[in-house]
N, C-alpha and C. Protein backbone atom coordinates (compact mmCIF):
# COMPACT_ATOMS: atom_id res chain seq x y z
N UNK A 1 220.16 -12.06 176.23
CA UNK A 1 220.87 -12.37 177.28
C UNK A 1 220.97 -13.86 177.49
N UNK A 2 222.16 -14.21 177.90
CA UNK A 2 222.28 -15.68 178.12
C UNK A 2 222.27 -16.00 179.57
N UNK A 3 221.56 -17.26 179.70
CA UNK A 3 221.31 -17.65 181.15
C UNK A 3 222.55 -18.30 181.72
N UNK A 4 223.12 -18.19 182.74
CA UNK A 4 223.93 -18.91 183.43
C UNK A 4 223.56 -19.99 184.32
N UNK A 5 223.65 -21.13 184.19
CA UNK A 5 223.36 -22.38 185.01
C UNK A 5 224.39 -22.56 185.99
N UNK A 6 224.05 -23.04 187.18
CA UNK A 6 225.08 -23.66 188.26
C UNK A 6 225.19 -25.14 188.15
N UNK A 7 225.89 -25.21 186.96
CA UNK A 7 226.01 -26.75 186.60
C UNK A 7 227.38 -26.71 185.88
N UNK A 8 228.34 -27.48 186.12
CA UNK A 8 228.29 -28.88 186.79
C UNK A 8 228.20 -28.73 188.38
N UNK A 9 228.01 -29.60 189.12
CA UNK A 9 227.68 -29.30 190.61
C UNK A 9 228.95 -28.63 191.27
N UNK A 10 230.06 -28.87 190.82
CA UNK A 10 231.39 -28.40 191.55
C UNK A 10 231.27 -27.01 191.44
N UNK A 11 230.34 -26.14 190.58
CA UNK A 11 230.27 -24.77 190.49
C UNK A 11 229.20 -24.22 191.44
N UNK A 12 228.47 -25.22 192.24
CA UNK A 12 227.49 -24.71 193.18
C UNK A 12 228.45 -24.27 194.48
N UNK A 13 227.79 -23.24 195.12
CA UNK A 13 228.37 -22.77 196.54
C UNK A 13 228.46 -23.94 197.41
N UNK A 14 229.26 -23.96 198.30
CA UNK A 14 229.22 -25.21 199.35
C UNK A 14 228.11 -24.98 200.23
N UNK A 15 227.51 -23.71 200.24
CA UNK A 15 226.45 -23.36 201.58
C UNK A 15 225.17 -23.87 201.14
N UNK A 16 224.92 -24.10 199.76
CA UNK A 16 223.41 -24.28 199.31
C UNK A 16 222.97 -25.71 199.89
N UNK A 17 221.62 -25.53 200.49
CA UNK A 17 221.01 -26.29 201.19
C UNK A 17 219.63 -26.91 200.40
N UNK A 18 219.22 -27.97 201.00
CA UNK A 18 217.85 -28.21 200.49
C UNK A 18 217.12 -28.61 201.83
N UNK A 19 215.78 -27.89 201.84
CA UNK A 19 214.96 -28.12 203.33
C UNK A 19 214.11 -29.17 202.81
N UNK A 20 214.08 -29.96 203.83
CA UNK A 20 213.25 -31.47 203.95
C UNK A 20 212.47 -31.18 205.22
N UNK A 21 211.21 -31.71 204.79
CA UNK A 21 210.30 -31.69 206.22
C UNK A 21 209.80 -33.05 206.15
N UNK A 22 210.03 -33.73 207.22
CA UNK A 22 209.91 -35.16 207.59
C UNK A 22 208.93 -35.24 208.87
N UNK A 23 208.91 -36.47 209.20
CA UNK A 23 208.06 -36.76 210.20
C UNK A 23 208.68 -37.57 211.28
N UNK A 24 208.06 -37.78 212.66
CA UNK A 24 208.92 -38.50 213.65
C UNK A 24 209.05 -40.03 213.39
N UNK A 25 208.27 -40.56 212.63
CA UNK A 25 208.74 -41.86 212.32
C UNK A 25 210.06 -42.20 211.64
N UNK A 26 210.63 -41.34 210.85
CA UNK A 26 211.55 -41.24 210.18
C UNK A 26 212.88 -40.68 210.93
N UNK A 27 213.60 -41.70 211.42
CA UNK A 27 214.86 -41.33 212.29
C UNK A 27 216.03 -40.78 211.52
N UNK A 28 216.76 -39.84 212.22
CA UNK A 28 217.78 -39.25 211.47
C UNK A 28 218.87 -40.26 211.14
N UNK A 29 219.07 -41.31 211.89
CA UNK A 29 219.98 -42.49 211.41
C UNK A 29 219.47 -42.83 209.94
N UNK A 30 218.35 -43.16 209.56
CA UNK A 30 217.80 -43.66 208.51
C UNK A 30 217.88 -42.46 207.31
N UNK A 31 217.14 -41.07 207.71
CA UNK A 31 216.93 -40.16 206.75
C UNK A 31 218.37 -39.57 206.16
N UNK A 32 219.23 -39.08 207.04
CA UNK A 32 220.11 -38.32 206.64
C UNK A 32 221.19 -38.98 205.60
N UNK A 33 221.68 -40.10 205.70
CA UNK A 33 222.73 -40.81 204.96
C UNK A 33 221.95 -40.81 203.44
N UNK A 34 220.63 -41.23 203.54
CA UNK A 34 219.90 -41.26 202.16
C UNK A 34 219.89 -39.96 201.56
N UNK A 35 219.23 -38.97 202.25
CA UNK A 35 219.04 -37.57 201.74
C UNK A 35 220.58 -37.05 201.33
N UNK A 36 221.50 -37.19 201.94
CA UNK A 36 222.87 -36.87 201.45
C UNK A 36 223.30 -37.35 200.12
N UNK A 37 222.85 -38.72 199.90
CA UNK A 37 223.04 -39.34 198.77
C UNK A 37 222.25 -38.92 197.49
N UNK A 38 220.96 -38.75 197.77
CA UNK A 38 219.98 -38.34 196.79
C UNK A 38 220.06 -36.84 196.24
N UNK A 39 220.21 -36.11 197.26
CA UNK A 39 220.46 -34.54 197.10
C UNK A 39 221.90 -33.94 196.86
N UNK A 40 222.62 -34.88 196.60
CA UNK A 40 223.99 -34.23 196.44
C UNK A 40 224.17 -33.46 195.04
N UNK A 41 224.68 -32.37 195.16
CA UNK A 41 225.63 -31.73 196.03
C UNK A 41 225.12 -31.06 196.96
N UNK A 42 223.86 -30.78 197.30
CA UNK A 42 223.05 -30.09 198.18
C UNK A 42 223.01 -30.76 199.55
N UNK A 43 223.24 -29.79 200.72
CA UNK A 43 223.23 -30.56 202.05
C UNK A 43 221.80 -30.38 202.49
N UNK A 44 221.24 -31.55 202.91
CA UNK A 44 219.96 -31.47 203.46
C UNK A 44 219.83 -30.93 204.85
N UNK A 45 218.89 -29.80 204.91
CA UNK A 45 218.45 -29.46 206.34
C UNK A 45 216.95 -30.08 206.68
N UNK A 46 217.09 -30.90 207.65
CA UNK A 46 215.78 -31.68 207.70
C UNK A 46 215.15 -31.19 208.92
N UNK A 47 213.87 -31.02 208.80
CA UNK A 47 212.88 -30.57 209.94
C UNK A 47 211.74 -31.79 210.03
N UNK A 48 211.95 -32.00 211.39
CA UNK A 48 211.03 -33.22 211.79
C UNK A 48 209.72 -32.63 212.41
N UNK A 49 208.44 -32.86 211.90
CA UNK A 49 207.28 -32.58 212.46
C UNK A 49 206.53 -33.75 213.16
N UNK A 50 205.41 -33.52 213.94
CA UNK A 50 204.53 -34.41 214.54
C UNK A 50 204.13 -35.50 213.61
N UNK A 51 203.98 -36.65 214.06
CA UNK A 51 203.20 -37.90 213.41
C UNK A 51 202.02 -37.87 214.20
N UNK A 52 200.87 -38.08 213.55
CA UNK A 52 199.47 -38.08 214.15
C UNK A 52 199.20 -39.21 214.92
N UNK A 53 200.00 -40.37 214.65
CA UNK A 53 199.83 -41.53 215.20
C UNK A 53 200.72 -41.93 216.43
N UNK A 54 201.41 -41.05 216.86
CA UNK A 54 202.24 -41.40 218.07
C UNK A 54 201.62 -40.77 219.13
N UNK A 55 202.16 -41.08 220.38
CA UNK A 55 201.56 -40.59 221.58
C UNK A 55 202.41 -39.44 222.10
N UNK A 56 201.92 -38.33 222.61
CA UNK A 56 200.56 -38.31 222.86
C UNK A 56 199.91 -37.72 221.35
N UNK A 57 198.69 -38.36 221.09
CA UNK A 57 197.93 -38.09 219.71
C UNK A 57 197.70 -36.67 219.32
N UNK A 58 197.95 -36.19 218.47
CA UNK A 58 197.61 -34.80 217.72
C UNK A 58 196.54 -34.82 216.70
N UNK A 59 195.84 -33.72 216.32
CA UNK A 59 194.72 -33.64 215.04
C UNK A 59 195.65 -34.03 213.79
N UNK A 60 195.02 -34.75 213.00
CA UNK A 60 195.82 -34.86 211.61
C UNK A 60 195.93 -33.57 210.82
N UNK A 61 195.34 -32.41 211.23
CA UNK A 61 195.70 -31.16 210.46
C UNK A 61 196.69 -30.50 211.19
N UNK A 62 197.12 -30.80 212.13
CA UNK A 62 198.28 -30.33 212.80
C UNK A 62 199.63 -31.21 212.89
N UNK A 63 199.36 -32.37 211.98
CA UNK A 63 200.40 -33.13 211.85
C UNK A 63 201.20 -33.31 210.56
N UNK A 64 202.33 -33.48 210.26
CA UNK A 64 203.17 -33.71 209.21
C UNK A 64 202.71 -35.05 208.42
N UNK A 65 202.38 -36.09 209.44
CA UNK A 65 202.19 -37.43 208.60
C UNK A 65 201.09 -38.16 209.58
């Protein structure tokens, strides 16, 4: 059986996304243009989690960064 690869990128479905988990220190204005370039042709879906160093403080085990 021959494997079918989704390459070149033009063959990829337009709804294909990459899930990115980030932290509060990274702003959307910084992250999203960078991720769109690096992950092209995938569309990044960015989830932001807590950073332990920001106020109000939280436990490191419960934080992303």
